[in-house]
Amino acid sequence: MRQETAAGMTGVGTKFLSQLENGKETAELGKALQVLHKMGLELYVFPRNANPFKER
């Protein structure tokens, strides 16, 4: 998907998307979560020493 399309779909600018894709440390968390939500993605947070995706 082109950045222009993704930006329109998620309500942010192409500059923000580019910075987010490139790992800008000061990217706004609220906007990043907005992008994930609008793209149908979910973010899971867990302690570093716990890996819920590892087979038991």
C-alpha atoms as a PDB file:
ATOM      1  CA  MET A   1       0.000   0.000   0.000  1.00  0.00           C
ATOM      2  CA  ARG A   2       1.301   3.449  -0.845  1.00  0.00           C
ATOM      3  CA  GLN A   3       1.904   5.888   1.982  1.00  0.00           C
ATOM      4  CA  GLU A   4      -0.568   8.349   0.486  1.00  0.00           C
ATOM      5  CA  THR A   5      -3.322   5.724   0.583  1.00  0.00           C
ATOM      6  CA  ALA A   6      -2.446   4.590   4.104  1.00  0.00           C
ATOM      7  CA  ALA A   7      -2.298   8.175   5.339  1.00  0.00           C
ATOM      8  CA  GLY A   8      -5.759   8.931   3.989  1.00  0.00           C
ATOM      9  CA  MET A   9      -7.138   5.710   5.409  1.00  0.00           C
ATOM     10  CA  THR A  10      -5.687   6.273   8.891  1.00  0.00           C
ATOM     11  CA  GLY A  11      -6.104  10.030   9.235  1.00  0.00           C
ATOM     12  CA  VAL A  12      -2.429  10.942   9.561  1.00  0.00           C
ATOM     13  CA  GLY A  13       0.046  12.580   7.216  1.00  0.00           C
ATOM     14  CA  THR A  14       2.539  10.804   4.991  1.00  0.00           C
ATOM     15  CA  LYS A  15       5.383  12.440   6.936  1.00  0.00           C
ATOM     16  CA  PHE A  16       4.153  10.864  10.171  1.00  0.00           C
ATOM     17  CA  LEU A  17       3.797   7.443   8.521  1.00  0.00           C
ATOM     18  CA  SER A  18       7.310   7.670   7.137  1.00  0.00           C
ATOM     19  CA  GLN A  19       8.694   8.607  10.551  1.00  0.00           C
ATOM     20  CA  LEU A  20       6.731   5.778  12.202  1.00  0.00           C
ATOM     21  CA  GLU A  21       8.000   3.246   9.653  1.00  0.00           C
ATOM     22  CA  ASN A  22      11.553   4.429  10.273  1.00  0.00           C
ATOM     23  CA  GLY A  23      11.279   4.071  14.046  1.00  0.00           C
ATOM     24  CA  LYS A  24      11.249   7.715  15.098  1.00  0.00           C
ATOM     25  CA  GLU A  25      11.603   7.533  18.878  1.00  0.00           C
ATOM     26  CA  THR A  26       9.463  10.608  19.519  1.00  0.00           C
ATOM     27  CA  ALA A  27       6.488   9.532  17.384  1.00  0.00           C
ATOM     28  CA  GLU A  28       3.203  10.282  19.130  1.00  0.00           C
ATOM     29  CA  LEU A  29       1.859   7.115  20.744  1.00  0.00           C
ATOM     30  CA  GLY A  30      -1.767   8.144  20.238  1.00  0.00           C
ATOM     31  CA  LYS A  31      -1.263   8.611  16.512  1.00  0.00           C
ATOM     32  CA  ALA A  32       0.653   5.338  16.245  1.00  0.00           C
ATOM     33  CA  LEU A  33      -2.195   3.496  17.984  1.00  0.00           C
ATOM     34  CA  GLN A  34      -4.683   5.246  15.684  1.00  0.00           C
ATOM     35  CA  VAL A  35      -2.789   3.957  12.644  1.00  0.00           C
ATOM     36  CA  LEU A  36      -2.756   0.395  14.009  1.00  0.00           C
ATOM     37  CA  HIS A  37      -6.474   0.503  14.826  1.00  0.00           C
ATOM     38  CA  LYS A  38      -7.524   1.898  11.444  1.00  0.00           C
ATOM     39  CA  MET A  39      -5.420  -0.738   9.669  1.00  0.00           C
ATOM     40  CA  GLY A  40      -7.114  -3.523  11.614  1.00  0.00           C
ATOM     41  CA  LEU A  41      -4.039  -4.346  13.706  1.00  0.00           C
ATOM     42  CA  GLU A  42      -3.690  -4.955  17.440  1.00  0.00           C
ATOM     43  CA  LEU A  43      -0.773  -4.233  19.734  1.00  0.00           C
ATOM     44  CA  TYR A  44       0.041  -6.581  22.600  1.00  0.00           C
ATOM     45  CA  VAL A  45       2.377  -5.576  25.415  1.00  0.00           C
ATOM     46  CA  PHE A  46       3.893  -8.059  27.843  1.00  0.00           C
ATOM     47  CA  PRO A  47       6.930  -8.181  30.143  1.00  0.00           C
ATOM     48  CA  ARG A  48      10.207  -8.912  28.381  1.00  0.00           C
ATOM     49  CA  ASN A  49      10.755 -12.070  30.417  1.00  0.00           C
ATOM     50  CA  ALA A  50       7.323 -13.425  29.423  1.00  0.00           C
ATOM     51  CA  ASN A  51       6.785 -14.559  25.858  1.00  0.00           C
ATOM     52  CA  PRO A  52       3.156 -15.608  25.321  1.00  0.00           C
ATOM     53  CA  PHE A  53       3.975 -16.778  21.787  1.00  0.00           C
ATOM     54  CA  LYS A  54       6.595 -19.296  22.926  1.00  0.00           C
ATOM     55  CA  GLU A  55       5.432 -22.914  23.048  1.00  0.00           C
ATOM     56  CA  ARG A  56       5.110 -24.260  26.548  1.00  0.00           C
END
